[in-house]
PDB file of N, CA and C in Angstrom:
ATOM      1  N   MET A   1       0.851  -1.177   0.000  1.00  0.00           N
ATOM      2  CA  MET A   1       0.000   0.000   0.000  1.00  0.00           C
ATOM      3  C   MET A   1       0.896   1.240   0.000  1.00  0.00           C
ATOM      4  N   THR A   2       0.572   2.196  -0.844  1.00  0.00           N
ATOM      5  CA  THR A   2       1.359   3.432  -0.916  1.00  0.00           C
ATOM      6  C   THR A   2       0.998   4.353   0.247  1.00  0.00           C
ATOM      7  N   LEU A   3       1.855   5.357   0.471  1.00  0.00           N
ATOM      8  CA  LEU A   3       1.577   6.340   1.524  1.00  0.00           C
ATOM      9  C   LEU A   3       0.257   7.043   1.252  1.00  0.00           C
ATOM     10  N   ASN A   4       0.018   7.418  -0.004  1.00  0.00           N
ATOM     11  CA  ASN A   4      -1.228   8.116  -0.339  1.00  0.00           C
ATOM     12  C   ASN A   4      -2.447   7.238  -0.045  1.00  0.00           C
ATOM     13  N   GLU A   5      -2.361   5.961  -0.369  1.00  0.00           N
ATOM     14  CA  GLU A   5      -3.473   5.053  -0.094  1.00  0.00           C
ATOM     15  C   GLU A   5      -3.712   4.922   1.418  1.00  0.00           C
ATOM     16  N   THR A   6      -2.623   4.840   2.168  1.00  0.00           N
ATOM     17  CA  THR A   6      -2.740   4.753   3.623  1.00  0.00           C
ATOM     18  C   THR A   6      -3.380   6.008   4.192  1.00  0.00           C
ATOM     19  N   LEU A   7      -2.939   7.182   3.711  1.00  0.00           N
ATOM     20  CA  LEU A   7      -3.508   8.445   4.182  1.00  0.00           C
ATOM     21  C   LEU A   7      -4.986   8.559   3.828  1.00  0.00           C
ATOM     22  N   GLN A   8      -5.358   8.136   2.630  1.00  0.00           N
ATOM     23  CA  GLN A   8      -6.768   8.175   2.227  1.00  0.00           C
ATOM     24  C   GLN A   8      -7.606   7.247   3.100  1.00  0.00           C
ATOM     25  N   GLN A   9      -7.052   6.095   3.453  1.00  0.00           N
ATOM     26  CA  GLN A   9      -7.757   5.155   4.317  1.00  0.00           C
ATOM     27  C   GLN A   9      -7.961   5.754   5.713  1.00  0.00           C
ATOM     28  N   LEU A  10      -6.920   6.392   6.243  1.00  0.00           N
ATOM     29  CA  LEU A  10      -7.027   7.046   7.549  1.00  0.00           C
ATOM     30  C   LEU A  10      -8.036   8.191   7.509  1.00  0.00           C
ATOM     31  N   LYS A  11      -8.010   8.960   6.426  1.00  0.00           N
ATOM     32  CA  LYS A  11      -8.950  10.074   6.266  1.00  0.00           C
ATOM     33  C   LYS A  11     -10.394   9.560   6.260  1.00  0.00           C
ATOM     34  N   SER A  12     -10.619   8.500   5.523  1.00  0.00           N
ATOM     35  CA  SER A  12     -11.964   7.933   5.442  1.00  0.00           C
ATOM     36  C   SER A  12     -12.429   7.418   6.802  1.00  0.00           C
ATOM     37  N   ALA A  13     -11.547   6.742   7.514  1.00  0.00           N
ATOM     38  CA  ALA A  13     -11.900   6.222   8.839  1.00  0.00           C
ATOM     39  C   ALA A  13     -12.189   7.361   9.805  1.00  0.00           C
ATOM     40  N   SER A  14     -11.410   8.425   9.725  1.00  0.00           N
ATOM     41  CA  SER A  14     -11.600   9.578  10.602  1.00  0.00           C
ATOM     42  C   SER A  14     -12.932  10.264  10.317  1.00  0.00           C
ATOM     43  N   ARG A  15     -13.240  10.440   9.048  1.00  0.00           N
ATOM     44  CA  ARG A  15     -14.498  11.102   8.677  1.00  0.00           C
ATOM     45  C   ARG A  15     -15.717  10.289   9.109  1.00  0.00           C
ATOM     46  N   SER A  16     -15.583   8.974   9.075  1.00  0.00           N
ATOM     47  CA  SER A  16     -16.732   8.140   9.449  1.00  0.00           C
ATOM     48  C   SER A  16     -17.042   8.243  10.944  1.00  0.00           C
ATOM     49  N   LYS A  17     -16.046   8.667  11.746  1.00  0.00           N
ATOM     50  CA  LYS A  17     -16.237   8.801  13.185  1.00  0.00           C
ATOM     51  C   LYS A  17     -16.631  10.221  13.595  1.00  0.00           C
ATOM     52  N   ALA A  18     -16.416  11.185  12.721  1.00  0.00           N
ATOM     53  CA  ALA A  18     -16.676  12.593  13.045  1.00  0.00           C
ATOM     54  C   ALA A  18     -18.157  12.923  12.877  1.00  0.00           C
ATOM     55  N   PRO A  19     -18.654  13.871  13.683  1.00  0.00           N
ATOM     56  CA  PRO A  19     -20.044  14.328  13.493  1.00  0.00           C
ATOM     57  C   PRO A  19     -20.220  14.920  12.095  1.00  0.00           C
ATOM     58  N   SER A  20     -21.385  14.737  11.506  1.00  0.00           N
ATOM     59  CA  SER A  20     -21.626  15.204  10.135  1.00  0.00           C
ATOM     60  C   SER A  20     -21.429  16.714  10.002  1.00  0.00           C
ATOM     61  N   GLU A  21     -21.751  17.480  11.064  1.00  0.00           N
ATOM     62  CA  GLU A  21     -21.557  18.931  11.011  1.00  0.00           C
ATOM     63  C   GLU A  21     -20.070  19.273  10.870  1.00  0.00           C
ATOM     64  N   ALA A  22     -19.220  18.526  11.575  1.00  0.00           N
ATOM     65  CA  ALA A  22     -17.776  18.769  11.505  1.00  0.00           C
ATOM     66  C   ALA A  22     -17.248  18.431  10.123  1.00  0.00           C
ATOM     67  N   VAL A  23     -17.729  17.332   9.547  1.00  0.00           N
ATOM     68  CA  VAL A  23     -17.300  16.942   8.201  1.00  0.00           C
ATOM     69  C   VAL A  23     -17.716  18.004   7.191  1.00  0.00           C
ATOM     70  N   THR A  24     -18.915  18.536   7.339  1.00  0.00           N
ATOM     71  CA  THR A  24     -19.394  19.590   6.437  1.00  0.00           C
ATOM     72  C   THR A  24     -18.512  20.828   6.533  1.00  0.00           C
ATOM     73  N   ILE A  25     -18.177  21.236   7.753  1.00  0.00           N
ATOM     74  CA  ILE A  25     -17.327  22.416   7.956  1.00  0.00           C
ATOM     75  C   ILE A  25     -15.948  22.194   7.349  1.00  0.00           C
ATOM     76  N   MET A  26     -15.366  21.012   7.587  1.00  0.00           N
ATOM     77  CA  MET A  26     -14.034  20.717   7.036  1.00  0.00           C
ATOM     78  C   MET A  26     -14.055  20.683   5.508  1.00  0.00           C
ATOM     79  N   THR A  27     -15.103  20.108   4.959  1.00  0.00           N
ATOM     80  CA  THR A  27     -15.225  20.041   3.497  1.00  0.00           C
ATOM     81  C   THR A  27     -15.357  21.439   2.903  1.00  0.00           C
ATOM     82  N   GLN A  28     -16.183  22.288   3.523  1.00  0.00           N
ATOM     83  CA  GLN A  28     -16.351  23.666   3.044  1.00  0.00           C
ATOM     84  C   GLN A  28     -15.043  24.447   3.157  1.00  0.00           C
ATOM     85  N   ALA A  29     -14.326  24.281   4.252  1.00  0.00           N
ATOM     86  CA  ALA A  29     -13.054  24.989   4.450  1.00  0.00           C
ATOM     87  C   ALA A  29     -12.036  24.554   3.403  1.00  0.00           C
ATOM     88  N   THR A  30     -12.007  23.259   3.105  1.00  0.00           N
ATOM     89  CA  THR A  30     -11.090  22.748   2.079  1.00  0.00           C
ATOM     90  C   THR A  30     -11.423  23.347   0.720  1.00  0.00           C
ATOM     91  N   GLU A  31     -12.686  23.411   0.383  1.00  0.00           N
ATOM     92  CA  GLU A  31     -13.104  23.990  -0.898  1.00  0.00           C
ATOM     93  C   GLU A  31     -12.765  25.475  -0.967  1.00  0.00           C
ATOM     94  N   GLN A  32     -12.933  26.189   0.146  1.00  0.00           N
ATOM     95  CA  GLN A  32     -12.580  27.614   0.166  1.00  0.00           C
ATOM     96  C   GLN A  32     -11.085  27.806  -0.081  1.00  0.00           C
ATOM     97  N   LEU A  33     -10.266  26.944   0.513  1.00  0.00           N
ATOM     98  CA  LEU A  33      -8.819  27.029   0.273  1.00  0.00           C
ATOM     99  C   LEU A  33      -8.496  26.762  -1.193  1.00  0.00           C
ATOM    100  N   LYS A  34      -9.114  25.733  -1.766  1.00  0.00           N
ATOM    101  CA  LYS A  34      -8.888  25.430  -3.182  1.00  0.00           C
ATOM    102  C   LYS A  34      -9.309  26.601  -4.058  1.00  0.00           C
ATOM    103  N   ASP A  35     -10.478  27.181  -3.773  1.00  0.00           N
ATOM    104  CA  ASP A  35     -11.004  28.288  -4.566  1.00  0.00           C
ATOM    105  C   ASP A  35     -10.160  29.557  -4.433  1.00  0.00           C
ATOM    106  N   SER A  36      -9.434  29.685  -3.319  1.00  0.00           N
ATOM    107  CA  SER A  36      -8.624  30.889  -3.096  1.00  0.00           C
ATOM    108  C   SER A  36      -7.405  30.959  -4.006  1.00  0.00           C
ATOM    109  N   GLY A  37      -7.030  29.819  -4.592  1.00  0.00           N
ATOM    110  CA  GLY A  37      -5.849  29.795  -5.454  1.00  0.00           C
ATOM    111  C   GLY A  37      -4.555  29.547  -4.702  1.00  0.00           C
ATOM    112  N   ILE A  38      -4.635  29.340  -3.412  1.00  0.00           N
ATOM    113  CA  ILE A  38      -3.424  29.165  -2.606  1.00  0.00           C
ATOM    114  C   ILE A  38      -2.649  27.898  -2.990  1.00  0.00           C
ATOM    115  N   ILE A  39      -3.347  26.893  -3.488  1.00  0.00           N
ATOM    116  CA  ILE A  39      -2.680  25.641  -3.861  1.00  0.00           C
ATOM    117  C   ILE A  39      -1.651  25.892  -4.960  1.00  0.00           C
ATOM    118  N   GLY A  40      -1.949  26.799  -5.871  1.00  0.00           N
ATOM    119  CA  GLY A  40      -1.014  27.126  -6.944  1.00  0.00           C
ATOM    120  C   GLY A  40       0.249  27.813  -6.450  1.00  0.00           C
ATOM    121  N   MET A  41       0.208  28.348  -5.232  1.00  0.00           N
ATOM    122  CA  MET A  41       1.370  29.022  -4.672  1.00  0.00           C
ATOM    123  C   MET A  41       2.214  28.084  -3.810  1.00  0.00           C
ATOM    124  N   ALA A  42       1.727  26.869  -3.570  1.00  0.00           N
ATOM    125  CA  ALA A  42       2.432  25.921  -2.710  1.00  0.00           C
ATOM    126  C   ALA A  42       3.694  25.405  -3.397  1.00  0.00           C
ATOM    127  N   LEU A  43       4.693  25.096  -2.583  1.00  0.00           N
ATOM    128  CA  LEU A  43       5.918  24.511  -3.107  1.00  0.00           C
ATOM    129  C   LEU A  43       5.689  23.046  -3.433  1.00  0.00           C
ATOM    130  N   ASN A  44       6.313  22.583  -4.482  1.00  0.00           N
ATOM    131  CA  ASN A  44       6.260  21.175  -4.837  1.00  0.00           C
ATOM    132  C   ASN A  44       7.468  20.474  -4.236  1.00  0.00           C
ATOM    133  N   PRO A  45       7.397  19.157  -4.065  1.00  0.00           N
ATOM    134  CA  PRO A  45       8.548  18.422  -3.530  1.00  0.00           C
ATOM    135  C   PRO A  45       9.813  18.712  -4.338  1.00  0.00           C
ATOM    136  N   GLY A  46      10.886  18.954  -3.627  1.00  0.00           N
ATOM    137  CA  GLY A  46      12.173  19.225  -4.272  1.00  0.00           C
ATOM    138  C   GLY A  46      12.440  20.689  -4.555  1.00  0.00           C
ATOM    139  N   MET A  47      11.412  21.527  -4.447  1.00  0.00           N
ATOM    140  CA  MET A  47      11.605  22.959  -4.688  1.00  0.00           C
ATOM    141  C   MET A  47      12.216  23.601  -3.444  1.00  0.00           C
ATOM    142  N   PRO A  48      13.148  24.536  -3.636  1.00  0.00           N
ATOM    143  CA  PRO A  48      13.713  25.215  -2.468  1.00  0.00           C
ATOM    144  C   PRO A  48      12.699  26.185  -1.860  1.00  0.00           C
ATOM    145  N   ALA A  49      12.697  26.235  -0.558  1.00  0.00           N
ATOM    146  CA  ALA A  49      11.813  27.164   0.138  1.00  0.00           C
ATOM    147  C   ALA A  49      12.433  28.554   0.128  1.00  0.00           C
ATOM    148  N   PRO A  50      11.623  29.589   0.097  1.00  0.00           N
ATOM    149  CA  PRO A  50      12.179  30.933   0.182  1.00  0.00           C
ATOM    150  C   PRO A  50      12.733  31.179   1.591  1.00  0.00           C
ATOM    151  N   GLU A  51      13.617  32.139   1.711  1.00  0.00           N
ATOM    152  CA  GLU A  51      14.135  32.508   3.031  1.00  0.00           C
ATOM    153  C   GLU A  51      12.974  32.993   3.891  1.00  0.00           C
ATOM    154  N   PHE A  52      13.011  32.634   5.168  1.00  0.00           N
ATOM    155  CA  PHE A  52      11.947  33.068   6.071  1.00  0.00           C
ATOM    156  C   PHE A  52      12.485  33.218   7.484  1.00  0.00           C
ATOM    157  N   GLU A  53      11.719  33.946   8.273  1.00  0.00           N
ATOM    158  CA  GLU A  53      12.007  34.094   9.699  1.00  0.00           C
ATOM    159  C   GLU A  53      10.707  33.856  10.441  1.00  0.00           C
ATOM    160  N   LEU A  54      10.773  32.984  11.444  1.00  0.00           N
ATOM    161  CA  LEU A  54       9.579  32.631  12.214  1.00  0.00           C
ATOM    162  C   LEU A  54       9.912  32.574  13.697  1.00  0.00           C
ATOM    163  N   PRO A  55       8.921  32.880  14.544  1.00  0.00           N
ATOM    164  CA  PRO A  55       9.153  32.749  15.983  1.00  0.00           C
ATOM    165  C   PRO A  55       8.898  31.313  16.439  1.00  0.00           C
ATOM    166  N   ASP A  56       9.607  30.898  17.493  1.00  0.00           N
ATOM    167  CA  ASP A  56       9.298  29.615  18.113  1.00  0.00           C
ATOM    168  C   ASP A  56       8.214  29.841  19.163  1.00  0.00           C
ATOM    169  N   TRP A  57       7.915  28.834  19.921  1.00  0.00           N
ATOM    170  CA  TRP A  57       6.828  28.921  20.892  1.00  0.00           C
ATOM    171  C   TRP A  57       7.116  29.898  22.026  1.00  0.00           C
ATOM    172  N   GLN A  58       8.386  30.294  22.172  1.00  0.00           N
ATOM    173  CA  GLN A  58       8.750  31.253  23.215  1.00  0.00           C
ATOM    174  C   GLN A  58       8.922  32.664  22.663  1.00  0.00           C
ATOM    175  N   GLY A  59       8.679  32.829  21.364  1.00  0.00           N
ATOM    176  CA  GLY A  59       8.792  34.150  20.752  1.00  0.00           C
ATOM    177  C   GLY A  59      10.172  34.486  20.216  1.00  0.00           C
ATOM    178  N   ASN A  60      11.110  33.523  20.259  1.00  0.00           N
ATOM    179  CA  ASN A  60      12.449  33.748  19.705  1.00  0.00           C
ATOM    180  C   ASN A  60      12.409  33.556  18.193  1.00  0.00           C
ATOM    181  N   ASN A  61      12.933  34.530  17.448  1.00  0.00           N
ATOM    182  CA  ASN A  61      12.925  34.437  15.992  1.00  0.00           C
ATOM    183  C   ASN A  61      14.079  33.594  15.483  1.00  0.00           C
ATOM    184  N   PHE A  62      13.782  32.799  14.450  1.00  0.00           N
ATOM    185  CA  PHE A  62      14.777  31.974  13.791  1.00  0.00           C
ATOM    186  C   PHE A  62      14.763  32.278  12.303  1.00  0.00           C
ATOM    187  N   ASN A  63      15.935  32.452  11.734  1.00  0.00           N
ATOM    188  CA  ASN A  63      16.088  32.763  10.314  1.00  0.00           C
ATOM    189  C   ASN A  63      16.522  31.493   9.589  1.00  0.00           C
ATOM    190  N   SER A  64      15.834  31.141   8.515  1.00  0.00           N
ATOM    191  CA  SER A  64      16.125  29.899   7.798  1.00  0.00           C
ATOM    192  C   SER A  64      17.532  29.884   7.211  1.00  0.00           C
ATOM    193  N   THR A  65      17.981  31.003   6.679  1.00  0.00           N
ATOM    194  CA  THR A  65      19.309  31.052   6.084  1.00  0.00           C
ATOM    195  C   THR A  65      20.388  30.807   7.133  1.00  0.00           C
ATOM    196  N   GLU A  66      20.211  31.400   8.294  1.00  0.00           N
ATOM    197  CA  GLU A  66      21.165  31.207   9.387  1.00  0.00           C
ATOM    198  C   GLU A  66      21.170  29.750   9.858  1.00  0.00           C
ATOM    199  N   LEU A  67      19.996  29.164   9.982  1.00  0.00           N
ATOM    200  CA  LEU A  67      19.910  27.774  10.423  1.00  0.00           C
ATOM    201  C   LEU A  67      20.525  26.817   9.412  1.00  0.00           C
ATOM    202  N   LEU A  68      20.387  27.115   8.124  1.00  0.00           N
ATOM    203  CA  LEU A  68      20.932  26.242   7.083  1.00  0.00           C
ATOM    204  C   LEU A  68      22.459  26.194   7.095  1.00  0.00           C
ATOM    205  N   THR A  69      23.096  27.204   7.688  1.00  0.00           N
ATOM    206  CA  THR A  69      24.564  27.164   7.781  1.00  0.00           C
ATOM    207  C   THR A  69      25.008  26.069   8.750  1.00  0.00           C
ATOM    208  N   LYS A  70      24.094  25.593   9.581  1.00  0.00           N
ATOM    209  CA  LYS A  70      24.419  24.557  10.570  1.00  0.00           C
ATOM    210  C   LYS A  70      24.068  23.155  10.081  1.00  0.00           C
ATOM    211  N   GLY A  71      23.360  23.062   8.946  1.00  0.00           N
ATOM    212  CA  GLY A  71      22.968  21.754   8.412  1.00  0.00           C
ATOM    213  C   GLY A  71      21.566  21.797   7.846  1.00  0.00           C
ATOM    214  N   ALA A  72      21.019  20.606   7.605  1.00  0.00           N
ATOM    215  CA  ALA A  72      19.683  20.490   7.015  1.00  0.00           C
ATOM    216  C   ALA A  72      18.633  21.103   7.948  1.00  0.00           C
ATOM    217  N   LEU A  73      17.576  21.592   7.346  1.00  0.00           N
ATOM    218  CA  LEU A  73      16.511  22.260   8.098  1.00  0.00           C
ATOM    219  C   LEU A  73      15.201  21.512   7.878  1.00  0.00           C
ATOM    220  N   ILE A  74      14.554  21.167   8.975  1.00  0.00           N
ATOM    221  CA  ILE A  74      13.230  20.532   8.923  1.00  0.00           C
ATOM    222  C   ILE A  74      12.256  21.470   9.619  1.00  0.00           C
ATOM    223  N   LEU A  75      11.187  21.789   8.942  1.00  0.00           N
ATOM    224  CA  LEU A  75      10.187  22.701   9.484  1.00  0.00           C
ATOM    225  C   LEU A  75       8.916  21.914   9.759  1.00  0.00           C
ATOM    226  N   ASN A  76       8.416  21.996  10.970  1.00  0.00           N
ATOM    227  CA  ASN A  76       7.219  21.269  11.373  1.00  0.00           C
ATOM    228  C   ASN A  76       6.200  22.261  11.915  1.00  0.00           C
ATOM    229  N   PHE A  77       5.017  22.255  11.343  1.00  0.00           N
ATOM    230  CA  PHE A  77       3.938  23.107  11.825  1.00  0.00           C
ATOM    231  C   PHE A  77       3.017  22.264  12.685  1.00  0.00           C
ATOM    232  N   TYR A  78       2.776  22.714  13.892  1.00  0.00           N
ATOM    233  CA  TYR A  78       1.883  22.005  14.795  1.00  0.00           C
ATOM    234  C   TYR A  78       0.666  22.885  15.020  1.00  0.00           C
ATOM    235  N   ARG A  79      -0.472  22.410  14.608  1.00  0.00           N
ATOM    236  CA  ARG A  79      -1.706  23.189  14.678  1.00  0.00           C
ATOM    237  C   ARG A  79      -2.189  23.370  16.107  1.00  0.00           C
ATOM    238  N   GLY A  80      -1.893  22.433  16.950  1.00  0.00           N
ATOM    239  CA  GLY A  80      -2.382  22.508  18.323  1.00  0.00           C
ATOM    240  C   GLY A  80      -3.511  21.546  18.552  1.00  0.00           C
ATOM    241  N   SER A  81      -4.324  21.836  19.512  1.00  0.00           N
ATOM    242  CA  SER A  81      -5.426  20.934  19.874  1.00  0.00           C
ATOM    243  C   SER A  81      -6.485  20.890  18.777  1.00  0.00           C
ATOM    244  N   TRP A  82      -6.901  19.722  18.411  1.00  0.00           N
ATOM    245  CA  TRP A  82      -7.949  19.564  17.410  1.00  0.00           C
ATOM    246  C   TRP A  82      -9.275  19.564  18.103  1.00  0.00           C
TER     247      TRP A  82
END
């Protein structure tokens, strides 16, 4: 089974357990994102990310270019409580 197939299976199982109102809201939000055109601005695998500066959870700013001088950079976004 491919990663995409596994993710689709997990998505389907999750949706079957969620209240129908929540599924409707998530579906509408996804469609709004698609309609906004933001998907066309997303980076594709293998594309270099632009330079950026972001705060950590304590408010300390980190610059991607500076961090890359120390080695590979992995960026993880954590949405928080679902």
